[in-house]
């Protein structure tokens, strides 16, 4: 059985490792990046099925790359993680799920 691939891009390393452990227990192959630029490179290398990307990263905003990611990886399910609540007119787009921090690990299942 081929495992689905998940990429997590977030500068909170502890959160990344908790998410990775949880998702690996659900039989996902998980890859981590802690900056936007390294995450975008990882996306192109891995071509994941699911992406969890933080909005506020040290080298940029995740939501500003949504269109780029959608064009390069049209089949990837994108989940934007943010402590910031987006107003309806500024939400990244309707094809991106927004998960508000703090998040519960058990809620990740609904975003896979």
N, C-alpha and C. Protein backbone atom coordinates (compact mmCIF):
# COMPACT_ATOMS: atom_id res chain seq x y z
N UNK A 1 0.83 -1.18 0.00
CA UNK A 1 0.00 0.00 0.00
C UNK A 1 0.88 1.25 0.00
N UNK A 2 0.61 2.16 -0.90
CA UNK A 2 1.37 3.39 -1.00
C UNK A 2 0.85 4.39 0.03
N UNK A 3 1.76 4.94 0.82
CA UNK A 3 1.38 5.92 1.83
C UNK A 3 1.17 7.28 1.17
N UNK A 4 0.16 7.99 1.63
CA UNK A 4 -0.02 9.36 1.18
C UNK A 4 1.04 10.23 1.83
N UNK A 5 1.46 11.27 1.09
CA UNK A 5 2.52 12.15 1.56
C UNK A 5 1.93 13.45 2.09
N UNK A 6 2.50 13.90 3.22
CA UNK A 6 2.09 15.15 3.84
C UNK A 6 3.34 16.01 4.04
N UNK A 7 3.23 17.28 3.67
CA UNK A 7 4.28 18.25 3.97
C UNK A 7 3.73 19.24 4.99
N UNK A 8 4.53 19.51 6.02
CA UNK A 8 4.18 20.50 7.03
C UNK A 8 5.24 21.60 6.98
N UNK A 9 4.78 22.85 6.77
CA UNK A 9 5.69 24.00 6.76
C UNK A 9 5.26 24.91 7.90
N UNK A 10 6.08 24.95 8.94
CA UNK A 10 5.76 25.77 10.11
C UNK A 10 7.06 26.02 10.87
N UNK A 11 7.24 27.23 11.37
CA UNK A 11 8.45 27.54 12.11
C UNK A 11 8.39 27.09 13.57
N UNK A 12 7.26 26.62 14.03
CA UNK A 12 7.13 26.07 15.38
C UNK A 12 7.53 24.59 15.31
N UNK A 13 8.80 24.33 15.55
CA UNK A 13 9.34 22.97 15.36
C UNK A 13 8.67 21.94 16.25
N UNK A 14 8.35 22.31 17.49
CA UNK A 14 7.68 21.35 18.38
C UNK A 14 6.33 20.94 17.81
N UNK A 15 5.58 21.91 17.30
CA UNK A 15 4.28 21.60 16.70
C UNK A 15 4.46 20.68 15.50
N UNK A 16 5.45 20.96 14.66
CA UNK A 16 5.72 20.12 13.49
C UNK A 16 5.97 18.67 13.90
N UNK A 17 6.78 18.48 14.94
CA UNK A 17 7.11 17.12 15.36
C UNK A 17 5.91 16.41 15.99
N UNK A 18 5.08 17.15 16.71
CA UNK A 18 3.86 16.55 17.24
C UNK A 18 2.92 16.13 16.11
N UNK A 19 2.76 17.01 15.12
CA UNK A 19 1.91 16.69 13.97
C UNK A 19 2.47 15.49 13.21
N UNK A 20 3.79 15.47 13.03
CA UNK A 20 4.42 14.36 12.31
C UNK A 20 4.17 13.03 13.01
N UNK A 21 4.36 13.00 14.31
CA UNK A 21 4.14 11.78 15.07
C UNK A 21 2.69 11.32 14.94
N UNK A 22 1.77 12.25 15.07
CA UNK A 22 0.35 11.92 14.97
C UNK A 22 0.01 11.38 13.58
N UNK A 23 0.49 12.05 12.54
CA UNK A 23 0.17 11.64 11.17
C UNK A 23 0.87 10.34 10.78
N UNK A 24 2.07 10.11 11.26
CA UNK A 24 2.75 8.84 10.98
C UNK A 24 1.98 7.69 11.59
N UNK A 25 1.39 7.91 12.77
CA UNK A 25 0.56 6.86 13.39
C UNK A 25 -0.69 6.57 12.56
N UNK A 26 -1.09 7.53 11.73
CA UNK A 26 -2.23 7.33 10.82
C UNK A 26 -1.77 6.79 9.46
N UNK A 27 -0.49 6.43 9.38
CA UNK A 27 0.10 5.80 8.19
C UNK A 27 0.38 6.79 7.04
N UNK A 28 0.73 8.02 7.38
CA UNK A 28 1.14 9.01 6.38
C UNK A 28 2.65 9.14 6.38
N UNK A 29 3.21 9.44 5.22
CA UNK A 29 4.63 9.75 5.08
C UNK A 29 4.73 11.27 5.27
N UNK A 30 5.50 11.74 6.25
CA UNK A 30 5.48 13.15 6.63
C UNK A 30 6.85 13.80 6.46
N UNK A 31 6.85 14.99 5.86
CA UNK A 31 8.06 15.77 5.63
C UNK A 31 7.88 17.15 6.27
N UNK A 32 8.98 17.69 6.83
CA UNK A 32 8.90 18.95 7.55
C UNK A 32 9.83 20.01 6.96
N UNK A 33 9.37 21.25 7.02
CA UNK A 33 10.19 22.42 6.67
C UNK A 33 9.81 23.53 7.64
N UNK A 34 10.79 24.37 7.98
CA UNK A 34 10.57 25.39 8.99
C UNK A 34 10.59 26.82 8.45
N UNK A 35 10.80 26.97 7.14
CA UNK A 35 10.74 28.28 6.49
C UNK A 35 9.93 28.15 5.20
N UNK A 36 9.47 29.26 4.71
CA UNK A 36 8.68 29.26 3.48
C UNK A 36 9.51 28.79 2.29
N UNK A 37 10.71 29.32 2.15
CA UNK A 37 11.53 28.96 1.00
C UNK A 37 11.93 27.48 1.01
N UNK A 38 12.34 26.97 2.17
CA UNK A 38 12.70 25.55 2.21
C UNK A 38 11.46 24.68 2.02
N UNK A 39 10.31 25.17 2.49
CA UNK A 39 9.06 24.44 2.30
C UNK A 39 8.63 24.36 0.84
N UNK A 40 8.78 25.47 0.12
CA UNK A 40 8.42 25.46 -1.30
C UNK A 40 9.33 24.51 -2.09
N UNK A 41 10.61 24.48 -1.73
CA UNK A 41 11.53 23.54 -2.39
C UNK A 41 11.15 22.10 -2.06
N UNK A 42 10.77 21.86 -0.81
CA UNK A 42 10.34 20.52 -0.40
C UNK A 42 9.08 20.09 -1.14
N UNK A 43 8.15 21.02 -1.31
CA UNK A 43 6.92 20.72 -2.06
C UNK A 43 7.24 20.22 -3.45
N UNK A 44 8.15 20.89 -4.12
CA UNK A 44 8.50 20.51 -5.49
C UNK A 44 9.22 19.17 -5.53
N UNK A 45 9.95 18.85 -4.48
CA UNK A 45 10.67 17.59 -4.40
C UNK A 45 9.74 16.42 -4.07
N UNK A 46 8.82 16.62 -3.15
CA UNK A 46 7.98 15.55 -2.63
C UNK A 46 6.66 15.38 -3.39
N UNK A 47 6.08 16.47 -3.90
CA UNK A 47 4.76 16.46 -4.54
C UNK A 47 3.73 15.77 -3.63
N UNK A 48 3.41 16.40 -2.50
CA UNK A 48 2.55 15.76 -1.51
C UNK A 48 1.08 15.71 -1.90
N UNK A 49 0.36 14.87 -1.18
CA UNK A 49 -1.10 14.81 -1.31
C UNK A 49 -1.77 15.87 -0.46
N UNK A 50 -1.13 16.20 0.68
CA UNK A 50 -1.69 17.14 1.64
C UNK A 50 -0.58 18.07 2.11
N UNK A 51 -0.93 19.35 2.26
CA UNK A 51 0.00 20.36 2.78
C UNK A 51 -0.64 21.07 3.96
N UNK A 52 0.14 21.20 5.05
CA UNK A 52 -0.21 22.07 6.16
C UNK A 52 0.85 23.16 6.16
N UNK A 53 0.43 24.41 5.99
CA UNK A 53 1.38 25.51 5.91
C UNK A 53 0.95 26.64 6.84
N UNK A 54 1.89 27.08 7.66
CA UNK A 54 1.65 28.20 8.56
C UNK A 54 1.57 29.47 7.74
N UNK A 55 0.79 30.42 8.21
CA UNK A 55 0.70 31.70 7.50
C UNK A 55 1.90 32.57 7.78
N UNK A 56 2.25 32.72 9.04
CA UNK A 56 3.30 33.67 9.43
C UNK A 56 4.62 32.94 9.62
N UNK A 57 5.44 32.94 8.57
CA UNK A 57 6.74 32.27 8.60
C UNK A 57 7.85 33.31 8.62
N UNK A 58 9.05 32.95 9.06
CA UNK A 58 10.13 33.93 9.18
C UNK A 58 10.48 34.63 7.88
N UNK A 59 10.28 33.96 6.75
CA UNK A 59 10.67 34.54 5.47
C UNK A 59 9.49 34.83 4.54
N UNK A 60 8.29 34.94 5.09
CA UNK A 60 7.15 35.31 4.26
C UNK A 60 5.84 34.80 4.81
N UNK A 61 4.77 35.16 4.10
CA UNK A 61 3.41 34.74 4.49
C UNK A 61 2.96 33.58 3.61
N UNK A 62 2.51 32.53 4.27
CA UNK A 62 2.04 31.35 3.54
C UNK A 62 0.91 31.66 2.58
N UNK A 63 -0.05 32.50 3.00
CA UNK A 63 -1.22 32.76 2.14
C UNK A 63 -0.84 33.47 0.85
N UNK A 64 0.28 34.19 0.86
CA UNK A 64 0.70 34.87 -0.36
C UNK A 64 1.19 33.90 -1.43
N UNK A 65 1.46 32.66 -1.05
CA UNK A 65 1.95 31.64 -2.00
C UNK A 65 0.87 30.66 -2.42
N UNK A 66 -0.38 30.88 -1.99
CA UNK A 66 -1.44 29.92 -2.30
C UNK A 66 -1.65 29.71 -3.80
N UNK A 67 -1.70 30.78 -4.57
CA UNK A 67 -1.91 30.64 -6.01
C UNK A 67 -0.75 29.90 -6.67
N UNK A 68 0.47 30.23 -6.25
CA UNK A 68 1.65 29.54 -6.78
C UNK A 68 1.58 28.04 -6.47
N UNK A 69 1.26 27.71 -5.22
CA UNK A 69 1.19 26.30 -4.82
C UNK A 69 0.08 25.58 -5.58
N UNK A 70 -1.07 26.22 -5.73
CA UNK A 70 -2.19 25.62 -6.48
C UNK A 70 -1.80 25.34 -7.93
N UNK A 71 -1.08 26.27 -8.55
CA UNK A 71 -0.67 26.08 -9.95
C UNK A 71 0.34 24.93 -10.08
N UNK A 72 1.31 24.88 -9.16
CA UNK A 72 2.35 23.85 -9.23
C UNK A 72 1.87 22.48 -8.75
N UNK A 73 0.89 22.46 -7.84
CA UNK A 73 0.43 21.21 -7.23
C UNK A 73 -1.10 21.21 -7.17
N UNK A 74 -1.75 21.13 -8.32
CA UNK A 74 -3.21 21.27 -8.36
C UNK A 74 -3.98 20.17 -7.62
N UNK A 75 -3.39 19.03 -7.39
CA UNK A 75 -4.09 17.93 -6.71
C UNK A 75 -3.83 17.91 -5.20
N UNK A 76 -2.95 18.76 -4.73
CA UNK A 76 -2.59 18.80 -3.32
C UNK A 76 -3.68 19.51 -2.52
N UNK A 77 -4.09 18.89 -1.43
CA UNK A 77 -5.06 19.51 -0.51
C UNK A 77 -4.29 20.46 0.40
N UNK A 78 -4.65 21.74 0.38
CA UNK A 78 -3.90 22.76 1.12
C UNK A 78 -4.67 23.20 2.36
N UNK A 79 -3.94 23.23 3.47
CA UNK A 79 -4.48 23.67 4.75
C UNK A 79 -3.58 24.77 5.30
N UNK A 80 -4.10 25.97 5.43
CA UNK A 80 -3.36 27.10 5.96
C UNK A 80 -3.60 27.18 7.47
N UNK A 81 -2.51 27.17 8.23
CA UNK A 81 -2.60 27.24 9.69
C UNK A 81 -2.28 28.66 10.11
N UNK A 82 -3.15 29.25 10.94
CA UNK A 82 -2.90 30.63 11.33
C UNK A 82 -3.57 30.98 12.66
N UNK A 83 -2.91 31.82 13.43
CA UNK A 83 -3.53 32.38 14.64
C UNK A 83 -4.36 33.60 14.26
N UNK A 84 -4.16 34.10 13.05
CA UNK A 84 -4.87 35.27 12.54
C UNK A 84 -6.20 34.85 11.94
N UNK A 85 -7.27 35.51 12.31
CA UNK A 85 -8.59 35.20 11.74
C UNK A 85 -8.78 36.05 10.49
N UNK A 86 -8.93 35.39 9.35
CA UNK A 86 -9.11 36.10 8.09
C UNK A 86 -10.55 36.60 7.96
N UNK A 87 -10.71 37.82 7.50
CA UNK A 87 -12.03 38.31 7.13
C UNK A 87 -12.42 37.63 5.83
N UNK A 88 -13.70 37.51 5.56
CA UNK A 88 -14.14 36.76 4.38
C UNK A 88 -13.58 37.33 3.07
N UNK A 89 -13.35 38.63 3.01
CA UNK A 89 -12.84 39.22 1.77
C UNK A 89 -11.33 39.09 1.62
N UNK A 90 -10.63 38.63 2.66
CA UNK A 90 -9.19 38.48 2.57
C UNK A 90 -8.73 37.03 2.73
N UNK A 91 -9.67 36.12 2.84
CA UNK A 91 -9.31 34.70 2.96
C UNK A 91 -8.54 34.27 1.72
N UNK A 92 -7.58 33.36 1.87
CA UNK A 92 -6.71 32.98 0.75
C UNK A 92 -7.47 32.58 -0.51
N UNK A 93 -8.35 31.67 -0.45
CA UNK A 93 -9.31 31.35 -1.53
C UNK A 93 -10.16 30.17 -1.08
N UNK A 94 -11.20 29.90 -1.81
CA UNK A 94 -12.14 28.87 -1.38
C UNK A 94 -11.62 27.45 -1.52
N UNK A 95 -10.47 27.28 -2.13
CA UNK A 95 -9.91 25.94 -2.29
C UNK A 95 -8.86 25.63 -1.23
N UNK A 96 -8.77 26.49 -0.22
CA UNK A 96 -7.80 26.32 0.86
C UNK A 96 -8.55 26.29 2.18
N UNK A 97 -8.32 25.25 2.97
CA UNK A 97 -8.91 25.20 4.31
C UNK A 97 -8.06 26.04 5.25
N UNK A 98 -8.70 26.78 6.14
CA UNK A 98 -7.98 27.57 7.12
C UNK A 98 -8.19 26.95 8.49
N UNK A 99 -7.10 26.61 9.16
CA UNK A 99 -7.13 26.02 10.49
C UNK A 99 -6.60 27.07 11.46
N UNK A 100 -7.39 27.41 12.46
CA UNK A 100 -6.97 28.42 13.42
C UNK A 100 -6.14 27.79 14.53
N UNK A 101 -5.06 28.48 14.89
CA UNK A 101 -4.25 28.08 16.04
C UNK A 101 -4.90 28.64 17.29
N UNK A 102 -4.81 27.97 18.40
CA UNK A 102 -4.14 26.69 18.58
C UNK A 102 -4.99 25.56 17.99
N UNK A 103 -4.33 24.59 17.43
CA UNK A 103 -5.06 23.48 16.82
C UNK A 103 -4.97 22.24 17.70
N UNK A 104 -5.96 21.39 17.56
CA UNK A 104 -5.97 20.10 18.25
C UNK A 104 -5.51 19.03 17.27
N UNK A 105 -4.60 18.20 17.68
CA UNK A 105 -4.09 17.16 16.79
C UNK A 105 -5.21 16.27 16.26
N UNK A 106 -6.18 15.95 17.09
CA UNK A 106 -7.25 15.07 16.64
C UNK A 106 -8.10 15.71 15.55
N UNK A 107 -8.06 17.03 15.43
CA UNK A 107 -8.83 17.70 14.37
C UNK A 107 -8.15 17.59 13.00
N UNK A 108 -6.90 17.16 12.98
CA UNK A 108 -6.18 17.05 11.70
C UNK A 108 -6.83 16.06 10.74
N UNK A 109 -7.48 15.03 11.28
CA UNK A 109 -8.10 14.01 10.43
C UNK A 109 -9.05 14.61 9.41
N UNK A 110 -9.77 15.65 9.79
CA UNK A 110 -10.75 16.24 8.87
C UNK A 110 -10.11 17.04 7.75
N UNK A 111 -8.80 17.28 7.83
CA UNK A 111 -8.11 18.08 6.82
C UNK A 111 -7.21 17.23 5.92
N UNK A 112 -7.32 15.92 6.05
CA UNK A 112 -6.46 15.02 5.25
C UNK A 112 -7.12 14.65 3.94
